[in-house]
Amino acid sequence: MSINELNKIDKHGIQRLPILTKENLRKFAKTDLLSNDKNFFAKSFYPSSGSTGTPVNILLAKSVHQKWNALYEARVRKWAGVNRNFSKAIIGGRRVLPQAIATKPFYRIYIFENQYYFSAYHINKKNAIHYLEAINNKSIYYLVGYAMNIYFLALFIEENKLESKRLIAVLTSVKS
């Protein structure tokens, strides 16, 4: 079905479209379900998180992906009372330093985005003080990351009886 044909479907015609299951999306996404119109998208596949068990690759125009991320960020930050000018720390799955190296600092700085990227691989009771020192000394106002990483960091901070001076918000995310 072409884009022109899709645009001509009225509200009753849309009911005749078949339901696309995740199983069929996984099976046919890179072959039969793509538009034949080569100019339809400047496109890339982006994987879902797989939170329901198996990830799905979703085809998005790069501009749509950028807008989606920007809207998500703006909405979540507004809700949390922070904005893009506040420095933030992210705890995520990217390797910041080799796992065998267990010396601080356990982060890298992205100057242009005013953010710190913390290693998820070095969170433990002994290192919690170093993460908190970075939060307190580097003027980090909010923390974003996977719920389990944040949970364990918070647990170790609490077990060490430490306190954050500045954090305004802690946000769990679907991606880091």
N, C-alpha and C. Protein backbone atom coordinates (compact mmCIF):
# COMPACT_ATOMS: atom_id res chain seq x y z
N MET A 1 0.86 -1.17 0.00
CA MET A 1 0.00 0.00 0.00
C MET A 1 0.90 1.23 0.00
N SER A 2 0.63 2.17 -0.88
CA SER A 2 1.45 3.36 -0.99
C SER A 2 0.99 4.41 0.02
N ILE A 3 1.81 5.43 0.20
CA ILE A 3 1.45 6.54 1.09
C ILE A 3 0.19 7.23 0.60
N ASN A 4 0.08 7.43 -0.70
CA ASN A 4 -1.12 8.07 -1.25
C ASN A 4 -2.36 7.26 -0.93
N GLU A 5 -2.26 5.94 -1.03
CA GLU A 5 -3.40 5.07 -0.70
C GLU A 5 -3.73 5.15 0.79
N LEU A 6 -2.69 5.19 1.63
CA LEU A 6 -2.93 5.32 3.07
C LEU A 6 -3.62 6.63 3.40
N ASN A 7 -3.21 7.71 2.73
CA ASN A 7 -3.81 9.02 2.99
C ASN A 7 -5.27 9.09 2.59
N LYS A 8 -5.71 8.22 1.69
CA LYS A 8 -7.09 8.23 1.21
C LYS A 8 -8.04 7.39 2.08
N ILE A 9 -7.51 6.66 3.03
CA ILE A 9 -8.35 5.82 3.88
C ILE A 9 -9.19 6.72 4.79
N ASP A 10 -10.51 6.52 4.78
CA ASP A 10 -11.37 7.30 5.67
C ASP A 10 -11.47 6.62 7.02
N LYS A 11 -12.19 7.21 7.94
CA LYS A 11 -12.25 6.66 9.29
C LYS A 11 -12.87 5.26 9.34
N HIS A 12 -13.74 4.92 8.39
CA HIS A 12 -14.31 3.58 8.36
C HIS A 12 -13.36 2.60 7.70
N GLY A 13 -12.59 3.08 6.73
CA GLY A 13 -11.63 2.23 6.03
C GLY A 13 -10.50 1.77 6.94
N ILE A 14 -10.16 2.57 7.90
CA ILE A 14 -9.05 2.20 8.80
C ILE A 14 -9.40 0.95 9.60
N GLN A 15 -10.68 0.71 9.82
CA GLN A 15 -11.11 -0.49 10.54
C GLN A 15 -10.83 -1.76 9.74
N ARG A 16 -10.66 -1.63 8.42
CA ARG A 16 -10.38 -2.79 7.58
C ARG A 16 -8.89 -3.15 7.56
N LEU A 17 -8.04 -2.26 8.07
CA LEU A 17 -6.61 -2.56 8.10
C LEU A 17 -6.36 -3.69 9.10
N PRO A 18 -5.46 -4.60 8.77
CA PRO A 18 -5.18 -5.70 9.70
C PRO A 18 -4.43 -5.21 10.93
N ILE A 19 -4.59 -5.92 12.02
CA ILE A 19 -3.87 -5.61 13.26
C ILE A 19 -2.45 -6.13 13.11
N LEU A 20 -1.50 -5.28 13.42
CA LEU A 20 -0.09 -5.66 13.34
C LEU A 20 0.36 -6.14 14.72
N THR A 21 0.67 -7.41 14.82
CA THR A 21 1.12 -7.97 16.08
C THR A 21 2.63 -7.76 16.22
N LYS A 22 3.12 -7.81 17.46
CA LYS A 22 4.57 -7.70 17.69
C LYS A 22 5.31 -8.85 16.99
N GLU A 23 4.70 -10.01 17.00
CA GLU A 23 5.33 -11.17 16.36
C GLU A 23 5.55 -10.91 14.87
N ASN A 24 4.52 -10.41 14.19
CA ASN A 24 4.67 -10.11 12.77
C ASN A 24 5.60 -8.93 12.53
N LEU A 25 5.58 -7.96 13.43
CA LEU A 25 6.49 -6.83 13.31
C LEU A 25 7.94 -7.31 13.38
N ARG A 26 8.22 -8.19 14.34
CA ARG A 26 9.58 -8.74 14.46
C ARG A 26 9.96 -9.55 13.21
N LYS A 27 8.99 -10.32 12.71
CA LYS A 27 9.27 -11.24 11.62
C LYS A 27 9.43 -10.54 10.26
N PHE A 28 8.61 -9.50 10.01
CA PHE A 28 8.57 -8.92 8.68
C PHE A 28 9.03 -7.46 8.61
N ALA A 29 9.46 -6.88 9.71
CA ALA A 29 9.75 -5.44 9.76
C ALA A 29 10.78 -4.99 8.74
N LYS A 30 11.76 -5.81 8.48
CA LYS A 30 12.83 -5.38 7.57
C LYS A 30 12.61 -5.83 6.13
N THR A 31 11.44 -6.42 5.87
CA THR A 31 11.20 -6.90 4.50
C THR A 31 9.83 -6.44 4.00
N ASP A 32 8.81 -7.18 4.31
CA ASP A 32 7.49 -6.97 3.71
C ASP A 32 6.75 -5.73 4.21
N LEU A 33 7.10 -5.20 5.36
CA LEU A 33 6.33 -4.09 5.92
C LEU A 33 6.88 -2.72 5.54
N LEU A 34 8.00 -2.68 4.88
CA LEU A 34 8.58 -1.39 4.51
C LEU A 34 7.92 -0.82 3.26
N SER A 35 7.85 0.48 3.22
CA SER A 35 7.32 1.17 2.05
C SER A 35 8.27 0.95 0.87
N ASN A 36 7.70 0.85 -0.31
CA ASN A 36 8.50 0.74 -1.53
C ASN A 36 9.02 2.10 -1.98
N ASP A 37 8.47 3.16 -1.39
CA ASP A 37 8.88 4.52 -1.73
C ASP A 37 10.23 4.81 -1.09
N LYS A 38 11.26 4.90 -1.89
CA LYS A 38 12.63 5.08 -1.38
C LYS A 38 12.80 6.40 -0.64
N ASN A 39 11.96 7.39 -0.95
CA ASN A 39 12.08 8.71 -0.30
C ASN A 39 11.16 8.85 0.91
N PHE A 40 10.50 7.76 1.29
CA PHE A 40 9.53 7.82 2.38
C PHE A 40 10.17 8.27 3.69
N PHE A 41 11.32 7.76 4.01
CA PHE A 41 12.01 8.10 5.24
C PHE A 41 13.51 8.22 4.99
N ALA A 42 14.14 9.14 5.68
CA ALA A 42 15.58 9.02 5.94
C ALA A 42 15.54 8.20 7.22
N LYS A 43 15.70 6.91 7.14
CA LYS A 43 15.25 6.02 8.19
C LYS A 43 16.38 5.24 8.85
N SER A 44 16.10 4.83 10.05
CA SER A 44 16.97 3.92 10.79
C SER A 44 16.08 3.07 11.68
N PHE A 45 16.58 1.88 12.01
CA PHE A 45 15.87 1.03 12.95
C PHE A 45 16.36 1.33 14.35
N TYR A 46 15.43 1.49 15.27
CA TYR A 46 15.75 1.73 16.67
C TYR A 46 15.12 0.61 17.49
N PRO A 47 15.90 -0.07 18.31
CA PRO A 47 15.31 -1.17 19.10
C PRO A 47 14.54 -0.65 20.29
N SER A 48 13.45 -1.33 20.61
CA SER A 48 12.74 -1.03 21.85
C SER A 48 13.56 -1.62 23.00
N SER A 49 13.16 -1.34 24.21
CA SER A 49 13.93 -1.82 25.37
C SER A 49 13.77 -3.31 25.61
N GLY A 50 12.73 -3.92 25.06
CA GLY A 50 12.51 -5.34 25.28
C GLY A 50 11.89 -5.62 26.64
N SER A 51 11.24 -4.62 27.24
CA SER A 51 10.69 -4.78 28.59
C SER A 51 9.60 -5.84 28.67
N THR A 52 8.99 -6.21 27.53
CA THR A 52 7.97 -7.26 27.55
C THR A 52 8.57 -8.62 27.23
N GLY A 53 9.87 -8.68 27.11
CA GLY A 53 10.52 -9.96 26.90
C GLY A 53 11.39 -10.02 25.66
N THR A 54 10.93 -9.45 24.58
CA THR A 54 11.69 -9.47 23.33
C THR A 54 11.62 -8.10 22.69
N PRO A 55 12.77 -7.49 22.38
CA PRO A 55 12.75 -6.17 21.76
C PRO A 55 12.18 -6.19 20.34
N VAL A 56 11.71 -5.06 19.92
CA VAL A 56 11.20 -4.87 18.56
C VAL A 56 12.04 -3.78 17.91
N ASN A 57 12.44 -3.98 16.65
CA ASN A 57 13.12 -2.93 15.91
C ASN A 57 12.07 -2.07 15.24
N ILE A 58 12.12 -0.77 15.50
CA ILE A 58 11.12 0.15 14.99
C ILE A 58 11.79 1.08 13.99
N LEU A 59 11.20 1.20 12.82
CA LEU A 59 11.73 2.07 11.78
C LEU A 59 11.21 3.47 12.01
N LEU A 60 12.12 4.41 12.17
CA LEU A 60 11.73 5.80 12.36
C LEU A 60 12.58 6.70 11.49
N ALA A 61 11.97 7.78 11.03
CA ALA A 61 12.75 8.82 10.39
C ALA A 61 13.67 9.41 11.45
N LYS A 62 14.87 9.74 11.07
CA LYS A 62 15.81 10.30 12.04
C LYS A 62 15.24 11.57 12.67
N SER A 63 14.55 12.39 11.89
CA SER A 63 13.97 13.62 12.43
C SER A 63 12.88 13.31 13.45
N VAL A 64 12.11 12.25 13.21
CA VAL A 64 11.07 11.84 14.16
C VAL A 64 11.71 11.34 15.46
N HIS A 65 12.77 10.56 15.33
CA HIS A 65 13.48 10.06 16.51
C HIS A 65 14.04 11.21 17.34
N GLN A 66 14.60 12.21 16.70
CA GLN A 66 15.14 13.37 17.41
C GLN A 66 14.03 14.14 18.12
N LYS A 67 12.92 14.36 17.43
CA LYS A 67 11.80 15.09 18.04
C LYS A 67 11.21 14.31 19.20
N TRP A 68 11.07 12.99 19.03
CA TRP A 68 10.52 12.15 20.09
C TRP A 68 11.39 12.27 21.36
N ASN A 69 12.69 12.15 21.20
CA ASN A 69 13.60 12.25 22.34
C ASN A 69 13.54 13.64 22.97
N ALA A 70 13.49 14.67 22.15
CA ALA A 70 13.43 16.04 22.67
C ALA A 70 12.14 16.28 23.46
N LEU A 71 11.01 15.81 22.91
CA LEU A 71 9.73 15.97 23.61
C LEU A 71 9.71 15.20 24.93
N TYR A 72 10.22 13.98 24.89
CA TYR A 72 10.29 13.18 26.11
C TYR A 72 11.13 13.90 27.17
N GLU A 73 12.31 14.34 26.77
CA GLU A 73 13.20 15.03 27.71
C GLU A 73 12.54 16.28 28.29
N ALA A 74 11.94 17.09 27.43
CA ALA A 74 11.30 18.33 27.89
C ALA A 74 10.15 18.03 28.84
N ARG A 75 9.34 17.03 28.51
CA ARG A 75 8.18 16.70 29.36
C ARG A 75 8.62 16.19 30.73
N VAL A 76 9.57 15.28 30.74
CA VAL A 76 10.02 14.69 32.00
C VAL A 76 10.72 15.74 32.86
N ARG A 77 11.58 16.54 32.24
CA ARG A 77 12.29 17.57 33.01
C ARG A 77 11.30 18.58 33.60
N LYS A 78 10.33 18.99 32.81
CA LYS A 78 9.34 19.96 33.31
C LYS A 78 8.60 19.38 34.51
N TRP A 79 8.18 18.14 34.39
CA TRP A 79 7.47 17.46 35.48
C TRP A 79 8.34 17.42 36.74
N ALA A 80 9.65 17.20 36.57
CA ALA A 80 10.56 17.04 37.71
C ALA A 80 11.07 18.37 38.26
N GLY A 81 10.78 19.47 37.60
CA GLY A 81 11.22 20.77 38.09
C GLY A 81 12.66 21.11 37.74
N VAL A 82 13.18 20.50 36.69
CA VAL A 82 14.53 20.81 36.23
C VAL A 82 14.44 21.21 34.74
N ASN A 83 15.52 21.72 34.21
CA ASN A 83 15.52 22.07 32.79
C ASN A 83 16.87 21.74 32.17
N ARG A 84 16.99 21.97 30.87
CA ARG A 84 18.19 21.57 30.15
C ARG A 84 19.44 22.32 30.60
N ASN A 85 19.27 23.42 31.30
CA ASN A 85 20.43 24.17 31.77
C ASN A 85 21.01 23.61 33.07
N PHE A 86 20.27 22.75 33.74
CA PHE A 86 20.76 22.12 34.97
C PHE A 86 21.73 21.00 34.59
N SER A 87 22.82 20.89 35.33
CA SER A 87 23.71 19.76 35.04
C SER A 87 23.08 18.49 35.58
N LYS A 88 23.33 17.41 34.85
CA LYS A 88 22.74 16.13 35.23
C LYS A 88 23.80 15.05 35.15
N ALA A 89 23.50 13.95 35.82
CA ALA A 89 24.32 12.75 35.71
C ALA A 89 23.43 11.63 35.20
N ILE A 90 24.02 10.81 34.35
CA ILE A 90 23.32 9.66 33.80
C ILE A 90 24.08 8.42 34.25
N ILE A 91 23.34 7.44 34.74
CA ILE A 91 23.94 6.13 35.02
C ILE A 91 23.38 5.20 33.96
N GLY A 92 24.26 4.65 33.16
CA GLY A 92 23.78 3.82 32.07
C GLY A 92 24.68 2.64 31.78
N GLY A 93 24.35 1.98 30.70
CA GLY A 93 25.03 0.75 30.35
C GLY A 93 26.29 0.90 29.51
N ARG A 94 26.64 2.12 29.13
CA ARG A 94 27.88 2.31 28.37
C ARG A 94 29.08 2.19 29.30
N ARG A 95 30.13 1.64 28.77
CA ARG A 95 31.36 1.52 29.57
C ARG A 95 32.06 2.87 29.61
N VAL A 96 32.28 3.34 30.81
CA VAL A 96 32.96 4.61 31.03
C VAL A 96 34.46 4.39 31.14
N LEU A 97 34.83 3.31 31.76
CA LEU A 97 36.21 2.89 31.88
C LEU A 97 36.23 1.38 32.00
N PRO A 98 37.34 0.76 31.72
CA PRO A 98 37.38 -0.70 31.78
C PRO A 98 36.94 -1.21 33.15
N GLN A 99 36.17 -2.28 33.15
CA GLN A 99 35.63 -2.81 34.41
C GLN A 99 36.74 -3.21 35.38
N ALA A 100 37.87 -3.63 34.88
CA ALA A 100 38.97 -4.05 35.75
C ALA A 100 39.58 -2.87 36.50
N ILE A 101 39.39 -1.65 35.99
CA ILE A 101 39.91 -0.47 36.67
C ILE A 101 38.89 -0.04 37.72
N ALA A 102 39.30 -0.06 38.96
CA ALA A 102 38.36 0.26 40.04
C ALA A 102 38.80 1.50 40.81
N THR A 103 39.33 2.49 40.09
CA THR A 103 39.73 3.74 40.74
C THR A 103 38.89 4.89 40.21
N LYS A 104 38.62 5.83 41.09
CA LYS A 104 37.83 6.98 40.68
C LYS A 104 38.61 7.85 39.72
N PRO A 105 37.99 8.70 38.96
CA PRO A 105 36.55 8.96 38.92
C PRO A 105 35.82 7.90 38.09
N PHE A 106 34.58 7.64 38.48
CA PHE A 106 33.77 6.63 37.81
C PHE A 106 32.78 7.30 36.86
N TYR A 107 33.22 8.36 36.21
CA TYR A 107 32.36 9.08 35.28
C TYR A 107 33.21 9.74 34.20
N ARG A 108 32.51 10.17 33.17
CA ARG A 108 33.09 10.99 32.12
C ARG A 108 32.20 12.21 31.96
N ILE A 109 32.78 13.31 31.52
CA ILE A 109 32.06 14.57 31.37
C ILE A 109 31.78 14.84 29.90
N TYR A 110 30.53 15.20 29.60
CA TYR A 110 30.15 15.67 28.28
C TYR A 110 29.87 17.17 28.42
N ILE A 111 30.87 17.98 28.15
CA ILE A 111 30.80 19.42 28.39
C ILE A 111 29.64 20.07 27.64
N PHE A 112 29.46 19.70 26.36
CA PHE A 112 28.46 20.37 25.54
C PHE A 112 27.04 20.12 26.01
N GLU A 113 26.81 19.03 26.69
CA GLU A 113 25.47 18.74 27.20
C GLU A 113 25.36 18.98 28.70
N ASN A 114 26.44 19.46 29.31
CA ASN A 114 26.43 19.75 30.74
C ASN A 114 26.01 18.52 31.53
N GLN A 115 26.60 17.39 31.20
CA GLN A 115 26.22 16.15 31.88
C GLN A 115 27.43 15.29 32.21
N TYR A 116 27.23 14.46 33.19
CA TYR A 116 28.22 13.47 33.62
C TYR A 116 27.63 12.11 33.34
N TYR A 117 28.45 11.23 32.83
CA TYR A 117 27.99 9.87 32.56
C TYR A 117 28.69 8.94 33.54
N PHE A 118 27.92 8.42 34.50
CA PHE A 118 28.46 7.56 35.56
C PHE A 118 28.51 6.11 35.11
N SER A 119 29.52 5.41 35.56
CA SER A 119 29.64 3.99 35.30
C SER A 119 28.64 3.20 36.14
N ALA A 120 27.87 2.35 35.48
CA ALA A 120 26.97 1.46 36.21
C ALA A 120 27.73 0.26 36.76
N TYR A 121 28.91 0.01 36.21
CA TYR A 121 29.66 -1.20 36.54
C TYR A 121 30.48 -1.10 37.82
N HIS A 122 30.59 0.09 38.38
CA HIS A 122 31.43 0.26 39.57
C HIS A 122 30.61 0.66 40.80
N ILE A 123 29.29 0.57 40.70
CA ILE A 123 28.44 0.92 41.85
C ILE A 123 28.54 -0.20 42.88
N ASN A 124 29.04 0.15 44.05
CA ASN A 124 29.08 -0.76 45.19
C ASN A 124 29.16 0.07 46.45
N LYS A 125 29.10 -0.57 47.59
CA LYS A 125 29.07 0.16 48.86
C LYS A 125 30.33 1.00 49.06
N LYS A 126 31.48 0.45 48.69
CA LYS A 126 32.74 1.16 48.87
C LYS A 126 32.83 2.40 47.96
N ASN A 127 32.35 2.29 46.74
CA ASN A 127 32.47 3.39 45.78
C ASN A 127 31.35 4.42 45.86
N ALA A 128 30.31 4.15 46.61
CA ALA A 128 29.16 5.05 46.67
C ALA A 128 29.59 6.46 47.07
N ILE A 129 30.54 6.57 47.97
CA ILE A 129 31.01 7.90 48.41
C ILE A 129 31.60 8.70 47.25
N HIS A 130 32.25 8.03 46.31
CA HIS A 130 32.85 8.72 45.17
C HIS A 130 31.78 9.23 44.20
N TYR A 131 30.71 8.47 44.02
CA TYR A 131 29.61 8.92 43.18
C TYR A 131 28.95 10.14 43.83
N LEU A 132 28.74 10.07 45.15
CA LEU A 132 28.10 11.17 45.85
C LEU A 132 29.00 12.41 45.88
N GLU A 133 30.30 12.23 46.01
CA GLU A 133 31.22 13.36 45.94
C GLU A 133 31.09 14.08 44.59
N ALA A 134 30.98 13.32 43.53
CA ALA A 134 30.80 13.94 42.20
C ALA A 134 29.48 14.69 42.14
N ILE A 135 28.41 14.10 42.64
CA ILE A 135 27.11 14.76 42.65
C ILE A 135 27.19 16.07 43.44
N ASN A 136 27.79 16.03 44.61
CA ASN A 136 27.86 17.21 45.46
C ASN A 136 28.86 18.25 44.97
N ASN A 137 30.01 17.84 44.47
CA ASN A 137 31.08 18.77 44.12
C ASN A 137 30.99 19.29 42.69
N LYS A 138 30.29 18.61 41.83
CA LYS A 138 30.20 19.01 40.42
C LYS A 138 28.89 19.71 40.10
N SER A 139 28.15 20.10 41.11
CA SER A 139 26.88 20.81 40.92
C SER A 139 25.90 20.04 40.03
N ILE A 140 25.78 18.76 40.28
CA ILE A 140 24.81 17.93 39.56
C ILE A 140 23.46 18.08 40.26
N TYR A 141 22.44 18.48 39.49
CA TYR A 141 21.14 18.77 40.08
C TYR A 141 20.12 17.66 39.90
N TYR A 142 20.34 16.80 38.90
CA TYR A 142 19.42 15.67 38.79
C TYR A 142 20.14 14.48 38.18
N LEU A 143 19.57 13.32 38.49
CA LEU A 143 20.17 12.04 38.11
C LEU A 143 19.16 11.27 37.27
N VAL A 144 19.63 10.68 36.18
CA VAL A 144 18.79 9.89 35.28
C VAL A 144 19.45 8.54 35.09
N GLY A 145 18.66 7.48 35.07
CA GLY A 145 19.25 6.17 34.83
C GLY A 145 18.26 5.05 34.97
N TYR A 146 18.76 3.85 34.74
CA TYR A 146 17.93 2.67 34.93
C TYR A 146 17.59 2.54 36.41
N ALA A 147 16.38 2.09 36.68
CA ALA A 147 15.89 2.02 38.06
C ALA A 147 16.80 1.18 38.96
N MET A 148 17.29 0.06 38.48
CA MET A 148 18.12 -0.80 39.33
C MET A 148 19.45 -0.15 39.66
N ASN A 149 20.06 0.55 38.72
CA ASN A 149 21.32 1.24 39.00
C ASN A 149 21.11 2.31 40.07
N ILE A 150 20.05 3.08 39.90
CA ILE A 150 19.75 4.15 40.86
C ILE A 150 19.40 3.55 42.22
N TYR A 151 18.64 2.47 42.22
CA TYR A 151 18.28 1.82 43.47
C TYR A 151 19.52 1.39 44.25
N PHE A 152 20.44 0.70 43.56
CA PHE A 152 21.63 0.23 44.28
C PHE A 152 22.52 1.37 44.74
N LEU A 153 22.66 2.42 43.93
CA LEU A 153 23.44 3.57 44.37
C LEU A 153 22.79 4.20 45.59
N ALA A 154 21.48 4.38 45.58
CA ALA A 154 20.77 4.95 46.72
C ALA A 154 20.90 4.06 47.96
N LEU A 155 20.80 2.76 47.77
CA LEU A 155 20.93 1.81 48.88
C LEU A 155 22.31 1.94 49.53
N PHE A 156 23.36 1.99 48.70
CA PHE A 156 24.72 2.09 49.25
C PHE A 156 24.97 3.45 49.89
N ILE A 157 24.39 4.51 49.34
CA ILE A 157 24.51 5.83 49.96
C ILE A 157 23.84 5.82 51.33
N GLU A 158 22.67 5.22 51.40
CA GLU A 158 21.94 5.12 52.67
C GLU A 158 22.70 4.25 53.68
N GLU A 159 23.23 3.11 53.24
CA GLU A 159 23.98 2.23 54.14
C GLU A 159 25.23 2.92 54.68
N ASN A 160 25.82 3.80 53.90
CA ASN A 160 27.00 4.56 54.35
C ASN A 160 26.62 5.82 55.11
N LYS A 161 25.32 6.06 55.28
CA LYS A 161 24.81 7.23 55.99
C LYS A 161 25.32 8.54 55.38
N LEU A 162 25.27 8.61 54.06
CA LEU A 162 25.71 9.79 53.32
C LEU A 162 24.49 10.58 52.87
N GLU A 163 24.70 11.86 52.49
CA GLU A 163 23.59 12.69 52.03
C GLU A 163 24.00 13.50 50.81
N SER A 164 23.03 13.73 49.95
CA SER A 164 23.24 14.58 48.79
C SER A 164 22.88 16.01 49.16
N LYS A 165 23.70 16.95 48.74
CA LYS A 165 23.43 18.36 49.02
C LYS A 165 22.52 18.99 47.99
N ARG A 166 22.55 18.51 46.75
CA ARG A 166 21.94 19.26 45.67
C ARG A 166 20.82 18.59 44.89
N LEU A 167 20.72 17.31 44.87
CA LEU A 167 19.80 16.66 43.94
C LEU A 167 18.37 17.17 44.09
N ILE A 168 17.83 17.64 42.98
CA ILE A 168 16.45 18.10 42.94
C ILE A 168 15.54 16.96 42.50
N ALA A 169 16.05 16.12 41.59
CA ALA A 169 15.21 15.06 41.03
C ALA A 169 16.06 13.85 40.70
N VAL A 170 15.44 12.69 40.79
CA VAL A 170 16.02 11.43 40.35
C VAL A 170 14.99 10.79 39.43
N LEU A 171 15.38 10.58 38.18
CA LEU A 171 14.45 10.08 37.18
C LEU A 171 14.92 8.74 36.65
N THR A 172 14.03 7.78 36.66
CA THR A 172 14.38 6.51 36.01
C THR A 172 14.02 6.67 34.54
N SER A 173 14.77 5.99 33.71
CA SER A 173 14.56 6.16 32.29
C SER A 173 14.47 4.82 31.60
N VAL A 174 13.91 4.83 30.40
CA VAL A 174 13.84 3.62 29.60
C VAL A 174 15.12 3.44 28.81
N LYS A 175 15.94 4.52 28.69
CA LYS A 175 17.22 4.39 28.02
C LYS A 175 18.20 5.40 28.61
N SER A 176 19.47 5.07 28.53
CA SER A 176 20.48 5.97 29.07
C SER A 176 21.62 6.14 28.14
